[in-house]
Amino acid sequence: MATPDILETPQGRRLAYHRTGGQGPTVVFLGGFKSDMGGTKAVHLEAWAQARGQAFLRFDYSGHGESSEAFVDGCIGDWAQDAETMLHAVTEGPLLLVGSSMGGWISLLMTKRMPERIAGLVTIAAAPDFTEDSMWAGFDQAQRLALDMVHQVELPSDYGAPYVITKKLIEDGRDHLVLRDPLPLPFPVRFLQGTADADVTRETALRLLDRADGPDMHLEFVKGADHRFSDDACLAIMTDRIEEVLARVA
């Protein structure tokens, strides 16, 4: 696998990325919680972009993949800051954001921070506000006490080692919630959600649709798709929706 380029942020974090040159808008893949840019969707999109001559970017937040820092030390604010720094530093012109799971939340934050550059948005199992509405809301009294006393709890994961959830992650998440107010998205938007997703509920997808406001917005449920959304059929749906958005902003 090719060695990634490295961007050093003003905070001293070293972010690994791969950028593909081509025509705009630049398609940017924003990965999920404890995921990385070597995942199936990111790599598939890079090959797709190279085949059509489309500018493309995939990268790792700090504490993820090939970037510096420890995952347990990070939080939504850090990862959104990483994304914003990356987009300003290594891309030009309009952007089509593709946010997967937590990356859906990060992409929504980018639409607030750089609205003049966002040409379109595609999300896959978007998980906005999950630290508050899924994690904190699901903690029992013992877990909340542990978080207060030792500043972390462990949650089981279907993807490997348990997730270490820190007090910093929960408290910082409250500073970046996006579903408490109207969410203007004045460009083509496609939300994708699997019906067999065990991590993000259909209610979350519907709540996002209700909060979001824009002239060209679709929510698509895919029967039987899980949270990974990375089998051949799901990958084809994802690229079809990206191409649909690109056609509308050309």
C-alpha atoms as a PDB file:
ATOM      1  CA  MET A   1       0.000   0.000   0.000  1.00  0.00           C
ATOM      2  CA  ALA A   2       1.229   3.485  -0.826  1.00  0.00           C
ATOM      3  CA  THR A   3       2.791   5.535   1.950  1.00  0.00           C
ATOM      4  CA  PRO A   4       0.426   8.318   3.001  1.00  0.00           C
ATOM      5  CA  ASP A   5       1.260  11.989   2.927  1.00  0.00           C
ATOM      6  CA  ILE A   6       1.387  13.707   6.324  1.00  0.00           C
ATOM      7  CA  LEU A   7      -0.141  17.026   7.337  1.00  0.00           C
ATOM      8  CA  GLU A   8       1.068  18.553  10.598  1.00  0.00           C
ATOM      9  CA  THR A   9      -1.666  20.615  12.208  1.00  0.00           C
ATOM     10  CA  PRO A  10      -1.187  23.799  14.255  1.00  0.00           C
ATOM     11  CA  GLN A  11      -1.921  21.638  17.321  1.00  0.00           C
ATOM     12  CA  GLY A  12       1.053  19.396  16.479  1.00  0.00           C
ATOM     13  CA  ARG A  13      -1.009  16.423  15.362  1.00  0.00           C
ATOM     14  CA  ARG A  14       0.280  14.496  12.329  1.00  0.00           C
ATOM     15  CA  LEU A  15      -2.571  13.493  10.021  1.00  0.00           C
ATOM     16  CA  ALA A  16      -2.107  10.821   7.366  1.00  0.00           C
ATOM     17  CA  TYR A  17      -3.927  11.218   4.053  1.00  0.00           C
ATOM     18  CA  HIS A  18      -4.136  10.117   0.425  1.00  0.00           C
ATOM     19  CA  ARG A  19      -5.211  12.643  -2.184  1.00  0.00           C
ATOM     20  CA  THR A  20      -6.173  11.793  -5.759  1.00  0.00           C
ATOM     21  CA  GLY A  21      -5.953  14.583  -8.323  1.00  0.00           C
ATOM     22  CA  GLY A  22      -8.736  15.146 -10.826  1.00  0.00           C
ATOM     23  CA  GLN A  23     -11.755  17.210 -11.698  1.00  0.00           C
ATOM     24  CA  GLY A  24     -13.831  18.888  -9.002  1.00  0.00           C
ATOM     25  CA  PRO A  25     -15.734  18.928  -6.839  1.00  0.00           C
ATOM     26  CA  THR A  26     -13.323  17.046  -4.594  1.00  0.00           C
ATOM     27  CA  VAL A  27     -15.045  14.034  -3.047  1.00  0.00           C
ATOM     28  CA  VAL A  28     -13.954  13.693   0.588  1.00  0.00           C
ATOM     29  CA  PHE A  29     -14.489  10.534   2.624  1.00  0.00           C
ATOM     30  CA  LEU A  30     -14.926  11.105   6.367  1.00  0.00           C
ATOM     31  CA  GLY A  31     -14.673   7.875   8.305  1.00  0.00           C
ATOM     32  CA  GLY A  32     -16.322   6.604  11.428  1.00  0.00           C
ATOM     33  CA  PHE A  33     -15.547   6.236  15.118  1.00  0.00           C
ATOM     34  CA  LYS A  34     -12.319   4.221  15.536  1.00  0.00           C
ATOM     35  CA  SER A  35     -12.354   3.479  11.800  1.00  0.00           C
ATOM     36  CA  ASP A  36      -9.662   4.488   9.332  1.00  0.00           C
ATOM     37  CA  MET A  37      -9.028   5.447   5.725  1.00  0.00           C
ATOM     38  CA  GLY A  38      -8.029   1.867   4.852  1.00  0.00           C
ATOM     39  CA  GLY A  39     -11.628   0.669   5.194  1.00  0.00           C
ATOM     40  CA  THR A  40     -13.618  -0.884   2.373  1.00  0.00           C
ATOM     41  CA  LYS A  41     -15.719   2.179   1.537  1.00  0.00           C
ATOM     42  CA  ALA A  42     -12.784   4.599   1.491  1.00  0.00           C
ATOM     43  CA  VAL A  43     -10.595   2.385  -0.675  1.00  0.00           C
ATOM     44  CA  HIS A  44     -13.494   1.586  -3.008  1.00  0.00           C
ATOM     45  CA  LEU A  45     -14.185   5.286  -3.490  1.00  0.00           C
ATOM     46  CA  GLU A  46     -10.543   6.011  -4.215  1.00  0.00           C
ATOM     47  CA  ALA A  47     -10.526   3.414  -7.020  1.00  0.00           C
ATOM     48  CA  TRP A  48     -13.825   4.808  -8.313  1.00  0.00           C
ATOM     49  CA  ALA A  49     -12.422   8.351  -8.299  1.00  0.00           C
ATOM     50  CA  GLN A  50      -9.239   7.325 -10.065  1.00  0.00           C
ATOM     51  CA  ALA A  51     -11.237   5.528 -12.771  1.00  0.00           C
ATOM     52  CA  ARG A  52     -13.332   8.618 -13.556  1.00  0.00           C
ATOM     53  CA  GLY A  53     -10.658  11.276 -12.996  1.00  0.00           C
ATOM     54  CA  GLN A  54     -12.424  12.708  -9.942  1.00  0.00           C
ATOM     55  CA  ALA A  55     -10.520  14.578  -7.251  1.00  0.00           C
ATOM     56  CA  PHE A  56     -10.704  12.575  -4.013  1.00  0.00           C
ATOM     57  CA  LEU A  57      -9.395  12.696  -0.457  1.00  0.00           C
ATOM     58  CA  ARG A  58      -9.331  10.127   2.333  1.00  0.00           C
ATOM     59  CA  PHE A  59      -7.570  10.708   5.656  1.00  0.00           C
ATOM     60  CA  ASP A  60      -7.269   9.558   9.255  1.00  0.00           C
ATOM     61  CA  TYR A  61      -8.338  11.707  12.179  1.00  0.00           C
ATOM     62  CA  SER A  62      -5.831  11.936  15.030  1.00  0.00           C
ATOM     63  CA  GLY A  63      -5.867   8.762  17.096  1.00  0.00           C
ATOM     64  CA  HIS A  64      -7.102   6.791  14.078  1.00  0.00           C
ATOM     65  CA  GLY A  65      -5.289   4.653  11.535  1.00  0.00           C
ATOM     66  CA  GLU A  66      -1.894   6.024  10.502  1.00  0.00           C
ATOM     67  CA  SER A  67      -2.239   9.435  12.155  1.00  0.00           C
ATOM     68  CA  SER A  68      -0.558  10.434  15.416  1.00  0.00           C
ATOM     69  CA  GLU A  69      -2.004  10.593  18.932  1.00  0.00           C
ATOM     70  CA  ALA A  70      -3.900   8.026  21.023  1.00  0.00           C
ATOM     71  CA  PHE A  71      -7.532   7.317  20.221  1.00  0.00           C
ATOM     72  CA  VAL A  72      -8.511   7.476  23.904  1.00  0.00           C
ATOM     73  CA  ASP A  73      -7.246  11.074  24.134  1.00  0.00           C
ATOM     74  CA  GLY A  74      -9.449  12.335  21.280  1.00  0.00           C
ATOM     75  CA  CYS A  75     -12.950  13.738  21.060  1.00  0.00           C
ATOM     76  CA  ILE A  76     -15.441  15.068  18.523  1.00  0.00           C
ATOM     77  CA  GLY A  77     -13.992  18.574  18.732  1.00  0.00           C
ATOM     78  CA  ASP A  78     -10.480  17.329  17.963  1.00  0.00           C
ATOM     79  CA  TRP A  79     -11.621  15.218  15.027  1.00  0.00           C
ATOM     80  CA  ALA A  80     -13.756  17.991  13.570  1.00  0.00           C
ATOM     81  CA  GLN A  81     -10.763  20.320  13.929  1.00  0.00           C
ATOM     82  CA  ASP A  82      -8.631  17.738  12.105  1.00  0.00           C
ATOM     83  CA  ALA A  83     -11.146  17.554   9.275  1.00  0.00           C
ATOM     84  CA  GLU A  84     -11.425  21.317   8.934  1.00  0.00           C
ATOM     85  CA  THR A  85      -7.644  21.749   8.922  1.00  0.00           C
ATOM     86  CA  MET A  86      -7.234  18.984   6.350  1.00  0.00           C
ATOM     87  CA  LEU A  87      -9.879  20.403   4.012  1.00  0.00           C
ATOM     88  CA  HIS A  88      -8.399  23.892   4.116  1.00  0.00           C
ATOM     89  CA  ALA A  89      -4.828  22.653   3.665  1.00  0.00           C
ATOM     90  CA  VAL A  90      -5.016  20.046   0.916  1.00  0.00           C
ATOM     91  CA  THR A  91      -8.172  20.767  -1.118  1.00  0.00           C
ATOM     92  CA  GLU A  92      -9.359  23.645  -3.268  1.00  0.00           C
ATOM     93  CA  GLY A  93     -12.763  24.673  -4.559  1.00  0.00           C
ATOM     94  CA  PRO A  94     -16.089  22.939  -3.986  1.00  0.00           C
ATOM     95  CA  LEU A  95     -16.369  19.772  -1.915  1.00  0.00           C
ATOM     96  CA  LEU A  96     -18.717  16.801  -1.922  1.00  0.00           C
ATOM     97  CA  LEU A  97     -18.553  15.276   1.544  1.00  0.00           C
ATOM     98  CA  VAL A  98     -19.173  11.570   2.100  1.00  0.00           C
ATOM     99  CA  GLY A  99     -19.615  10.910   5.812  1.00  0.00           C
ATOM    100  CA  SER A 100     -19.822   7.415   7.279  1.00  0.00           C
ATOM    101  CA  SER A 101     -21.259   6.951  10.793  1.00  0.00           C
ATOM    102  CA  MET A 102     -19.372   9.466  12.988  1.00  0.00           C
ATOM    103  CA  GLY A 103     -18.105  10.933   9.723  1.00  0.00           C
ATOM    104  CA  GLY A 104     -21.697  11.903   9.038  1.00  0.00           C
ATOM    105  CA  TRP A 105     -21.620  14.031  12.201  1.00  0.00           C
ATOM    106  CA  ILE A 106     -18.230  15.499  11.262  1.00  0.00           C
ATOM    107  CA  SER A 107     -19.474  16.299   7.758  1.00  0.00           C
ATOM    108  CA  LEU A 108     -22.498  18.127   9.182  1.00  0.00           C
ATOM    109  CA  LEU A 109     -20.153  20.202  11.334  1.00  0.00           C
ATOM    110  CA  MET A 110     -18.165  21.047   8.179  1.00  0.00           C
ATOM    111  CA  THR A 111     -21.336  22.323   6.493  1.00  0.00           C
ATOM    112  CA  LYS A 112     -21.583  24.834   9.355  1.00  0.00           C
ATOM    113  CA  ARG A 113     -17.901  25.813   9.375  1.00  0.00           C
ATOM    114  CA  MET A 114     -17.279  26.166   5.637  1.00  0.00           C
ATOM    115  CA  PRO A 115     -20.724  26.444   4.016  1.00  0.00           C
ATOM    116  CA  GLU A 116     -19.381  28.352   1.021  1.00  0.00           C
ATOM    117  CA  ARG A 117     -17.358  25.319  -0.098  1.00  0.00           C
ATOM    118  CA  ILE A 118     -19.868  22.490   0.313  1.00  0.00           C
ATOM    119  CA  ALA A 119     -21.444  21.467  -3.003  1.00  0.00           C
ATOM    120  CA  GLY A 120     -23.130  18.270  -1.843  1.00  0.00           C
ATOM    121  CA  LEU A 121     -23.401  15.688   0.913  1.00  0.00           C
ATOM    122  CA  VAL A 122     -23.830  11.916   1.034  1.00  0.00           C
ATOM    123  CA  THR A 123     -23.980  10.137   4.398  1.00  0.00           C
ATOM    124  CA  ILE A 124     -23.918   6.443   5.209  1.00  0.00           C
ATOM    125  CA  ALA A 125     -25.470   5.466   8.557  1.00  0.00           C
ATOM    126  CA  ALA A 126     -24.892   9.000   9.821  1.00  0.00           C
ATOM    127  CA  ALA A 127     -24.506   9.156  13.604  1.00  0.00           C
ATOM    128  CA  PRO A 128     -24.863  12.807  14.619  1.00  0.00           C
ATOM    129  CA  ASP A 129     -24.884  13.481  18.377  1.00  0.00           C
ATOM    130  CA  PHE A 130     -24.218   9.794  19.163  1.00  0.00           C
ATOM    131  CA  THR A 131     -22.104  10.543  22.234  1.00  0.00           C
ATOM    132  CA  GLU A 132     -25.146  12.112  23.884  1.00  0.00           C
ATOM    133  CA  ASP A 133     -28.151  10.351  22.355  1.00  0.00           C
ATOM    134  CA  SER A 134     -26.740   6.832  22.129  1.00  0.00           C
ATOM    135  CA  MET A 135     -23.841   6.513  24.570  1.00  0.00           C
ATOM    136  CA  TRP A 136     -24.786   8.814  27.460  1.00  0.00           C
ATOM    137  CA  ALA A 137     -28.507   8.104  27.113  1.00  0.00           C
ATOM    138  CA  GLY A 138     -27.782   4.368  27.235  1.00  0.00           C
ATOM    139  CA  PHE A 139     -25.491   4.390  30.255  1.00  0.00           C
ATOM    140  CA  ASP A 140     -26.849   2.926  33.464  1.00  0.00           C
ATOM    141  CA  GLN A 141     -26.203   4.478  36.877  1.00  0.00           C
ATOM    142  CA  ALA A 142     -23.045   2.431  37.446  1.00  0.00           C
ATOM    143  CA  GLN A 143     -21.561   3.468  34.097  1.00  0.00           C
ATOM    144  CA  ARG A 144     -22.328   7.133  34.712  1.00  0.00           C
ATOM    145  CA  LEU A 145     -20.736   6.879  38.162  1.00  0.00           C
ATOM    146  CA  ALA A 146     -17.645   5.210  36.695  1.00  0.00           C
ATOM    147  CA  LEU A 147     -17.378   7.923  34.080  1.00  0.00           C
ATOM    148  CA  ASP A 148     -17.494  10.552  36.817  1.00  0.00           C
ATOM    149  CA  MET A 149     -15.040   8.784  39.135  1.00  0.00           C
ATOM    150  CA  VAL A 150     -12.433   7.252  36.803  1.00  0.00           C
ATOM    151  CA  HIS A 151     -13.288   9.289  33.693  1.00  0.00           C
ATOM    152  CA  GLN A 152     -13.856   6.294  31.422  1.00  0.00           C
ATOM    153  CA  VAL A 153     -15.958   3.208  30.790  1.00  0.00           C
ATOM    154  CA  GLU A 154     -15.591   0.322  28.355  1.00  0.00           C
ATOM    155  CA  LEU A 155     -18.299  -0.618  25.882  1.00  0.00           C
ATOM    156  CA  PRO A 156     -18.329  -3.894  23.923  1.00  0.00           C
ATOM    157  CA  SER A 157     -17.684  -3.638  20.202  1.00  0.00           C
ATOM    158  CA  ASP A 158     -18.648  -5.906  17.316  1.00  0.00           C
ATOM    159  CA  TYR A 159     -15.485  -4.760  15.533  1.00  0.00           C
ATOM    160  CA  GLY A 160     -12.750  -5.901  17.940  1.00  0.00           C
ATOM    161  CA  ALA A 161     -11.501  -4.580  21.287  1.00  0.00           C
ATOM    162  CA  PRO A 162     -13.969  -2.762  23.544  1.00  0.00           C
ATOM    163  CA  TYR A 163     -14.469   0.951  23.015  1.00  0.00           C
ATOM    164  CA  VAL A 164     -12.983   3.048  25.813  1.00  0.00           C
ATOM    165  CA  ILE A 165     -15.416   5.938  26.286  1.00  0.00           C
ATOM    166  CA  THR A 166     -13.993   8.880  28.187  1.00  0.00           C
ATOM    167  CA  LYS A 167     -15.623  11.652  30.157  1.00  0.00           C
ATOM    168  CA  LYS A 168     -13.865  14.069  27.800  1.00  0.00           C
ATOM    169  CA  LEU A 169     -15.572  12.463  24.785  1.00  0.00           C
ATOM    170  CA  ILE A 170     -19.029  12.773  26.332  1.00  0.00           C
ATOM    171  CA  GLU A 171     -18.603  16.316  27.638  1.00  0.00           C
ATOM    172  CA  ASP A 172     -16.953  17.609  24.478  1.00  0.00           C
ATOM    173  CA  GLY A 173     -19.674  16.014  22.351  1.00  0.00           C
ATOM    174  CA  ARG A 174     -22.218  18.296  24.021  1.00  0.00           C
ATOM    175  CA  ASP A 175     -20.416  21.301  22.528  1.00  0.00           C
ATOM    176  CA  HIS A 176     -20.912  19.993  18.985  1.00  0.00           C
ATOM    177  CA  LEU A 177     -24.498  18.716  18.854  1.00  0.00           C
ATOM    178  CA  VAL A 178     -26.259  19.360  15.535  1.00  0.00           C
ATOM    179  CA  LEU A 179     -29.757  17.930  15.979  1.00  0.00           C
ATOM    180  CA  ARG A 180     -31.016  20.408  18.566  1.00  0.00           C
ATOM    181  CA  ASP A 181     -31.615  23.187  16.038  1.00  0.00           C
ATOM    182  CA  PRO A 182     -32.600  23.464  12.369  1.00  0.00           C
ATOM    183  CA  LEU A 183     -29.841  22.239  10.081  1.00  0.00           C
ATOM    184  CA  PRO A 184     -29.659  24.139   6.766  1.00  0.00           C
ATOM    185  CA  LEU A 185     -28.239  22.031   3.922  1.00  0.00           C
ATOM    186  CA  PRO A 186     -28.784  24.131   0.768  1.00  0.00           C
ATOM    187  CA  PHE A 187     -27.276  21.642  -1.705  1.00  0.00           C
ATOM    188  CA  PRO A 188     -28.040  18.105  -2.933  1.00  0.00           C
ATOM    189  CA  VAL A 189     -28.097  15.671  -0.005  1.00  0.00           C
ATOM    190  CA  ARG A 190     -28.470  11.877   0.064  1.00  0.00           C
ATOM    191  CA  PHE A 191     -28.795  10.054   3.393  1.00  0.00           C
ATOM    192  CA  LEU A 192     -28.284   6.253   3.228  1.00  0.00           C
ATOM    193  CA  GLN A 193     -29.350   3.958   6.060  1.00  0.00           C
ATOM    194  CA  GLY A 194     -29.450   0.153   6.368  1.00  0.00           C
ATOM    195  CA  THR A 195     -32.483  -1.457   7.980  1.00  0.00           C
ATOM    196  CA  ALA A 196     -30.266  -4.052   9.719  1.00  0.00           C
ATOM    197  CA  ASP A 197     -27.946  -1.451  11.254  1.00  0.00           C
ATOM    198  CA  ALA A 198     -27.413  -2.401  14.909  1.00  0.00           C
ATOM    199  CA  ASP A 199     -25.485   0.784  15.752  1.00  0.00           C
ATOM    200  CA  VAL A 200     -27.551   3.617  14.248  1.00  0.00           C
ATOM    201  CA  THR A 201     -31.333   3.403  14.468  1.00  0.00           C
ATOM    202  CA  ARG A 202     -33.863   4.244  11.784  1.00  0.00           C
ATOM    203  CA  GLU A 203     -35.199   6.843  14.201  1.00  0.00           C
ATOM    204  CA  THR A 204     -31.831   8.621  14.094  1.00  0.00           C
ATOM    205  CA  ALA A 205     -31.992   8.774  10.297  1.00  0.00           C
ATOM    206  CA  LEU A 206     -35.549  10.124  10.403  1.00  0.00           C
ATOM    207  CA  ARG A 207     -34.653  12.680  13.058  1.00  0.00           C
ATOM    208  CA  LEU A 208     -31.783  13.910  10.889  1.00  0.00           C
ATOM    209  CA  LEU A 209     -34.121  14.225   7.928  1.00  0.00           C
ATOM    210  CA  ASP A 210     -36.616  16.158  10.032  1.00  0.00           C
ATOM    211  CA  ARG A 211     -33.998  18.579  11.366  1.00  0.00           C
ATOM    212  CA  ALA A 212     -32.303  19.141   8.023  1.00  0.00           C
ATOM    213  CA  ASP A 213     -33.650  21.731   5.608  1.00  0.00           C
ATOM    214  CA  GLY A 214     -32.763  21.888   1.935  1.00  0.00           C
ATOM    215  CA  PRO A 215     -34.197  21.919  -1.585  1.00  0.00           C
ATOM    216  CA  ASP A 216     -32.866  18.520  -2.730  1.00  0.00           C
ATOM    217  CA  MET A 217     -32.782  15.948   0.050  1.00  0.00           C
ATOM    218  CA  HIS A 218     -33.488  12.205   0.046  1.00  0.00           C
ATOM    219  CA  LEU A 219     -33.343   9.546   2.756  1.00  0.00           C
ATOM    220  CA  GLU A 220     -32.962   6.007   1.411  1.00  0.00           C
ATOM    221  CA  PHE A 221     -33.407   2.881   3.524  1.00  0.00           C
ATOM    222  CA  VAL A 222     -31.623  -0.196   2.190  1.00  0.00           C
ATOM    223  CA  LYS A 223     -33.324  -3.429   3.215  1.00  0.00           C
ATOM    224  CA  GLY A 224     -31.010  -5.781   5.093  1.00  0.00           C
ATOM    225  CA  ALA A 225     -27.929  -3.532   5.014  1.00  0.00           C
ATOM    226  CA  ASP A 226     -25.910  -3.418   8.243  1.00  0.00           C
ATOM    227  CA  HIS A 227     -23.810  -0.630   9.739  1.00  0.00           C
ATOM    228  CA  ARG A 228     -20.762  -1.461   7.646  1.00  0.00           C
ATOM    229  CA  PHE A 229     -22.720  -0.825   4.425  1.00  0.00           C
ATOM    230  CA  SER A 230     -19.800  -2.288   2.515  1.00  0.00           C
ATOM    231  CA  ASP A 231     -20.945  -5.312   0.518  1.00  0.00           C
ATOM    232  CA  ASP A 232     -20.937  -5.006  -3.263  1.00  0.00           C
ATOM    233  CA  ALA A 233     -24.576  -3.940  -3.478  1.00  0.00           C
ATOM    234  CA  CYS A 234     -24.143  -1.226  -0.837  1.00  0.00           C
ATOM    235  CA  LEU A 235     -20.949   0.075  -2.421  1.00  0.00           C
ATOM    236  CA  ALA A 236     -22.782   0.356  -5.746  1.00  0.00           C
ATOM    237  CA  ILE A 237     -25.619   2.296  -4.105  1.00  0.00           C
ATOM    238  CA  MET A 238     -23.130   4.619  -2.430  1.00  0.00           C
ATOM    239  CA  THR A 239     -21.278   5.431  -5.647  1.00  0.00           C
ATOM    240  CA  ASP A 240     -24.555   5.810  -7.567  1.00  0.00           C
ATOM    241  CA  ARG A 241     -25.750   8.419  -5.065  1.00  0.00           C
ATOM    242  CA  ILE A 242     -22.433  10.263  -5.212  1.00  0.00           C
ATOM    243  CA  GLU A 243     -22.625  10.329  -9.005  1.00  0.00           C
ATOM    244  CA  GLU A 244     -26.208  11.565  -8.745  1.00  0.00           C
ATOM    245  CA  VAL A 245     -25.131  14.460  -6.554  1.00  0.00           C
ATOM    246  CA  LEU A 246     -22.165  15.244  -8.800  1.00  0.00           C
ATOM    247  CA  ALA A 247     -24.482  15.382 -11.822  1.00  0.00           C
ATOM    248  CA  ARG A 248     -26.677  17.907 -10.021  1.00  0.00           C
ATOM    249  CA  VAL A 249     -23.826  20.220  -9.097  1.00  0.00           C
ATOM    250  CA  ALA A 250     -21.915  20.027 -12.381  1.00  0.00           C
END
